[in-house]
């Protein structure tokens, strides 16, 4: 208990620690208000959920703190969750147009709340997919960042096969999103979609040549075939490295790691 209190105090100060204590006693997911140096607006985390480790990945672990050859004009954050990566990108690249895609309703509501002050972030309640069709969102019991997608023909993958269906969501291809938002080229495409990368990278011919850099978390542990599909669909990138949970691909050193990979 003392270690947990020390953690919340070190990350979020006295007020954040007390919010966590109250939430723990009541069993609620009260919101911690976070104001970080270098981040222009406060944002919110739900206590005792995966929001907290996600915060560490983005802001402490430096998952998206990259050198860039030139500032990206467009960033797509697929699997945006509550918007932490989008907020990081919006402050690092304030001139970039950012599309933050999140399929799960409670996460999407938090995403909208967190990115509301940023005119350059557009939240989109949808899921990346290999077809433009309505699909099912399922809950395999992995907290707020573990929701998976499932097609109507029942093909989902090992973890999602027996998971509870939460609600329907619009499945969209990357080229459809580019067309809808008038995007000709994507500077950074960040994808963390809990196994749906297997479907998304099955056929990339309509869009992959228009992407300068990819940051992707692969989920073979949840759905077999993700890695195979990803590498099949991403031939032609010049450099690759890994950091934390992500794989990075870049053309012509468009992005480079800040720390040794």
Protein backbone atom coordinates (compact mmCIF):
# COMPACT_ATOMS: atom_id res chain seq x y z
CA UNK A 1 0.00 0.00 0.00
CA UNK A 2 2.79 2.43 0.90
CA UNK A 3 4.54 1.69 -2.41
CA UNK A 4 1.35 2.47 -4.33
CA UNK A 5 0.84 5.73 -2.44
CA UNK A 6 4.44 6.70 -3.11
CA UNK A 7 3.95 5.95 -6.80
CA UNK A 8 0.84 8.17 -7.09
CA UNK A 9 2.49 10.96 -5.11
CA UNK A 10 5.62 10.90 -7.30
CA UNK A 11 3.59 10.97 -10.53
CA UNK A 12 0.61 13.14 -9.66
CA UNK A 13 1.42 15.03 -6.46
CA UNK A 14 -0.53 15.16 -3.21
CA UNK A 15 -3.92 15.80 -4.85
CA UNK A 16 -3.45 12.87 -7.21
CA UNK A 17 -2.43 10.60 -4.34
CA UNK A 18 -5.51 11.58 -2.32
CA UNK A 19 -7.78 10.99 -5.32
CA UNK A 20 -6.28 7.52 -5.67
CA UNK A 21 -6.82 6.82 -1.95
CA UNK A 22 -10.47 7.92 -2.12
CA UNK A 23 -11.06 5.92 -5.28
CA UNK A 24 -9.50 2.85 -3.68
CA UNK A 25 -11.73 3.14 -0.62
CA UNK A 26 -14.91 3.67 -2.65
CA UNK A 27 -14.07 1.25 -5.47
CA UNK A 28 -14.62 3.98 -8.05
CA UNK A 29 -12.57 5.16 -11.00
CA UNK A 30 -12.34 8.81 -9.94
CA UNK A 31 -10.40 11.09 -12.26
CA UNK A 32 -6.88 12.31 -11.56
CA UNK A 33 -6.17 15.70 -13.11
CA UNK A 34 -2.67 15.79 -14.64
CA UNK A 35 -0.75 18.94 -15.59
CA UNK A 36 2.70 18.18 -16.99
CA UNK A 37 5.49 20.59 -17.89
CA UNK A 38 5.56 21.06 -21.64
CA UNK A 39 1.93 19.94 -22.05
CA UNK A 40 -0.29 22.92 -22.71
CA UNK A 41 -3.53 21.67 -21.15
CA UNK A 42 -4.43 19.40 -18.20
CA UNK A 43 -5.79 15.94 -18.95
CA UNK A 44 -7.49 13.20 -16.96
CA UNK A 45 -6.82 9.59 -15.95
CA UNK A 46 -9.21 7.10 -14.39
CA UNK A 47 -7.81 5.79 -11.09
CA UNK A 48 -6.95 2.10 -10.80
CA UNK A 49 -7.35 1.39 -14.53
CA UNK A 50 -4.90 0.79 -17.37
CA UNK A 51 -4.89 4.59 -17.87
CA UNK A 52 -2.12 4.70 -15.26
CA UNK A 53 0.39 2.31 -16.92
CA UNK A 54 -0.50 3.85 -20.29
CA UNK A 55 0.48 7.24 -18.88
CA UNK A 56 3.85 5.77 -17.86
CA UNK A 57 4.41 4.30 -21.33
CA UNK A 58 3.71 7.59 -23.09
CA UNK A 59 5.14 10.18 -20.71
CA UNK A 60 7.71 8.33 -18.58
CA UNK A 61 8.87 5.61 -20.96
CA UNK A 62 9.21 7.92 -23.98
CA UNK A 63 7.49 5.52 -26.38
CA UNK A 64 6.83 8.32 -28.91
CA UNK A 65 9.69 10.71 -28.13
CA UNK A 66 11.42 10.61 -31.51
CA UNK A 67 13.77 12.59 -33.69
CA UNK A 68 12.05 13.55 -36.94
CA UNK A 69 13.61 14.64 -40.22
CA UNK A 70 10.79 17.14 -40.69
CA UNK A 71 7.69 17.87 -38.66
CA UNK A 72 4.81 15.64 -39.78
CA UNK A 73 1.80 17.30 -41.34
CA UNK A 74 -0.51 14.37 -40.51
CA UNK A 75 -0.45 11.84 -37.66
CA UNK A 76 -2.96 9.02 -37.25
CA UNK A 77 -3.26 7.58 -33.74
CA UNK A 78 -5.17 4.31 -34.15
CA UNK A 79 -6.12 2.71 -30.87
CA UNK A 80 -5.97 6.13 -29.25
CA UNK A 81 -7.55 4.93 -25.98
CA UNK A 82 -8.04 8.10 -23.85
CA UNK A 83 -5.83 10.25 -26.07
CA UNK A 84 -2.47 10.31 -24.27
CA UNK A 85 -0.34 9.64 -27.37
CA UNK A 86 -2.38 12.18 -29.34
CA UNK A 87 -1.81 14.78 -26.62
CA UNK A 88 1.92 14.03 -26.64
CA UNK A 89 2.06 14.40 -30.44
CA UNK A 90 -0.08 17.58 -30.41
CA UNK A 91 2.36 19.29 -28.06
CA UNK A 92 5.48 18.01 -29.83
CA UNK A 93 4.10 18.80 -33.32
CA UNK A 94 1.54 21.61 -32.84
CA UNK A 95 1.12 22.16 -36.59
CA UNK A 96 0.23 18.52 -37.28
CA UNK A 97 -3.28 17.35 -38.08
CA UNK A 98 -3.99 14.40 -35.76
CA UNK A 99 -6.77 11.84 -36.21
CA UNK A 100 -7.34 9.94 -32.94
CA UNK A 101 -9.25 6.70 -33.56
CA UNK A 102 -10.81 4.77 -30.68
CA UNK A 103 -13.58 2.13 -30.92
CA UNK A 104 -14.63 1.57 -27.28
CA UNK A 105 -17.33 3.94 -26.02
CA UNK A 106 -16.10 4.69 -22.48
CA UNK A 107 -12.55 5.24 -23.73
CA UNK A 108 -13.88 7.44 -26.53
CA UNK A 109 -15.73 9.66 -24.07
CA UNK A 110 -12.50 10.13 -22.11
CA UNK A 111 -10.63 10.75 -25.37
CA UNK A 112 -13.04 13.55 -26.29
CA UNK A 113 -12.70 15.10 -22.83
CA UNK A 114 -8.91 15.00 -22.93
CA UNK A 115 -8.40 16.35 -26.46
CA UNK A 116 -11.18 18.97 -26.38
CA UNK A 117 -8.71 21.88 -25.92
CA UNK A 118 -6.71 20.85 -29.01
CA UNK A 119 -8.06 22.16 -32.30
CA UNK A 120 -5.59 19.99 -34.24
CA UNK A 121 -6.87 16.66 -32.81
CA UNK A 122 -9.99 15.10 -34.32
CA UNK A 123 -11.45 12.17 -32.32
CA UNK A 124 -13.04 9.41 -34.42
CA UNK A 125 -15.20 6.67 -32.90
CA UNK A 126 -14.21 3.80 -35.18
CA UNK A 127 -11.85 0.82 -35.48
CA UNK A 128 -9.14 0.18 -38.05
CA UNK A 129 -10.09 -2.84 -40.15
CA UNK A 130 -9.50 -4.39 -43.55
CA UNK A 131 -13.01 -3.57 -44.77
CA UNK A 132 -15.43 -0.69 -44.37
CA UNK A 133 -18.16 -2.44 -42.39
CA UNK A 134 -19.74 -2.56 -38.95
CA UNK A 135 -17.99 -5.01 -36.64
CA UNK A 136 -18.26 -6.12 -33.01
CA UNK A 137 -16.11 -4.81 -30.17
CA UNK A 138 -15.40 -7.49 -27.57
CA UNK A 139 -14.03 -7.45 -24.04
CA UNK A 140 -11.53 -10.22 -23.25
CA UNK A 141 -11.14 -8.93 -19.69
CA UNK A 142 -7.90 -6.99 -20.14
CA UNK A 143 -9.08 -3.69 -18.64
CA UNK A 144 -9.56 -0.44 -20.54
CA UNK A 145 -6.80 -0.93 -23.12
CA UNK A 146 -7.52 -4.54 -24.11
CA UNK A 147 -10.69 -4.35 -26.23
CA UNK A 148 -10.62 -6.35 -29.47
CA UNK A 149 -12.61 -6.35 -32.70
CA UNK A 150 -14.46 -9.25 -34.29
CA UNK A 151 -16.07 -9.63 -37.70
CA UNK A 152 -19.57 -10.97 -38.27
CA UNK A 153 -18.22 -14.15 -39.85
CA UNK A 154 -16.81 -15.05 -36.42
CA UNK A 155 -13.13 -14.82 -37.33
CA UNK A 156 -11.48 -13.06 -34.44
CA UNK A 157 -8.53 -14.93 -33.01
CA UNK A 158 -7.73 -16.90 -29.89
CA UNK A 159 -8.28 -14.29 -27.15
CA UNK A 160 -11.39 -12.73 -28.69
CA UNK A 161 -13.19 -15.94 -29.67
CA UNK A 162 -15.02 -16.35 -26.36
CA UNK A 163 -14.98 -12.69 -25.25
CA UNK A 164 -18.10 -10.72 -24.37
CA UNK A 165 -19.48 -8.46 -27.10
CA UNK A 166 -19.66 -4.85 -25.84
CA UNK A 167 -21.20 -3.02 -28.78
CA UNK A 168 -21.00 -2.53 -32.53
CA UNK A 169 -18.52 -0.10 -34.06
CA UNK A 170 -17.68 1.21 -37.51
CA UNK A 171 -14.72 -0.62 -39.06
CA UNK A 172 -12.70 1.56 -41.45
CA UNK A 173 -9.72 1.02 -43.74
CA UNK A 174 -6.78 3.40 -43.65
CA UNK A 175 -7.34 4.53 -47.25
CA UNK A 176 -11.00 5.29 -46.43
CA UNK A 177 -9.91 7.45 -43.47
CA UNK A 178 -7.41 9.24 -45.70
CA UNK A 179 -10.12 9.91 -48.29
CA UNK A 180 -12.66 11.08 -45.70
CA UNK A 181 -10.22 13.55 -44.12
CA UNK A 182 -8.54 14.72 -47.32
CA UNK A 183 -5.16 13.22 -46.38
CA UNK A 184 -2.66 12.61 -49.17
CA UNK A 185 0.24 11.43 -46.98
CA UNK A 186 0.67 10.26 -43.38
CA UNK A 187 3.83 11.36 -41.56
CA UNK A 188 3.44 9.06 -38.54
CA UNK A 189 0.98 6.19 -38.33
CA UNK A 190 0.75 4.84 -34.77
CA UNK A 191 -1.20 1.60 -34.39
CA UNK A 192 -2.09 -0.19 -31.14
CA UNK A 193 -5.26 -2.11 -31.96
CA UNK A 194 -5.09 -5.32 -29.90
CA UNK A 195 -4.64 -7.83 -32.71
CA UNK A 196 -6.60 -6.17 -35.53
CA UNK A 197 -3.24 -5.44 -37.17
CA UNK A 198 -3.53 -8.97 -38.58
CA UNK A 199 -6.45 -7.81 -40.71
CA UNK A 200 -5.23 -4.25 -41.37
CA UNK A 201 -1.88 -5.33 -42.83
CA UNK A 202 -3.25 -8.22 -44.92
CA UNK A 203 -3.52 -5.92 -47.96
CA UNK A 204 -1.78 -2.54 -47.68
CA UNK A 205 -1.53 -1.78 -51.40
CA UNK A 206 -3.97 1.16 -51.27
CA UNK A 207 -2.07 3.18 -48.64
CA UNK A 208 1.32 1.86 -47.45
CA UNK A 209 3.37 3.86 -49.99
CA UNK A 210 1.83 7.04 -48.58
CA UNK A 211 3.13 6.46 -45.04
CA UNK A 212 6.53 7.81 -43.95
CA UNK A 213 6.80 6.09 -40.56
CA UNK A 214 4.98 3.41 -38.58
CA UNK A 215 4.84 2.78 -34.82
CA UNK A 216 3.02 -0.49 -34.19
CA UNK A 217 2.44 -2.74 -31.19
CA UNK A 218 2.05 -6.35 -32.31
CA UNK A 219 -0.26 -8.76 -30.48
CA UNK A 220 0.51 -12.32 -31.49
CA UNK A 221 -0.04 -13.25 -27.84
CA UNK A 222 -3.68 -12.29 -28.35
CA UNK A 223 -4.21 -13.23 -32.00
CA UNK A 224 -1.85 -15.45 -33.96
CA UNK A 225 -0.61 -14.16 -37.31
CA UNK A 226 -0.18 -10.49 -36.39
CA UNK A 227 3.59 -10.39 -36.90
CA UNK A 228 3.44 -12.35 -40.13
CA UNK A 229 0.75 -10.06 -41.56
CA UNK A 230 2.56 -6.89 -40.42
CA UNK A 231 5.89 -7.77 -42.02
CA UNK A 232 4.22 -9.06 -45.17
CA UNK A 233 2.45 -5.73 -45.58
CA UNK A 234 5.34 -3.37 -44.82
CA UNK A 235 8.09 -4.16 -47.34
CA UNK A 236 9.98 -1.09 -48.53
CA UNK A 237 10.80 0.72 -45.29
CA UNK A 238 14.48 1.53 -44.81
CA UNK A 239 14.98 1.17 -41.05
CA UNK A 240 13.47 -0.82 -38.20
CA UNK A 241 13.97 -0.89 -34.45
CA UNK A 242 12.06 -1.72 -31.28
CA UNK A 243 11.54 0.18 -28.04
CA UNK A 244 9.23 -0.79 -25.21
CA UNK A 245 6.23 -2.56 -26.71
CA UNK A 246 6.47 -0.98 -30.15
CA UNK A 247 8.10 -1.73 -33.50
CA UNK A 248 9.21 1.31 -35.54
CA UNK A 249 9.57 1.43 -39.32
CA UNK A 250 10.80 4.49 -41.19
CA UNK A 251 11.53 5.62 -44.73
CA UNK A 252 14.71 7.62 -45.33
CA UNK A 253 15.30 8.17 -41.58
CA UNK A 254 12.07 10.14 -41.32
CA UNK A 255 12.02 9.16 -37.65
CA UNK A 256 14.92 8.04 -35.46
CA UNK A 257 15.05 6.95 -31.82
CA UNK A 258 16.18 9.46 -29.20
CA UNK A 259 17.77 6.74 -27.12
CA UNK A 260 19.60 3.63 -28.24
CA UNK A 261 17.13 0.95 -29.29
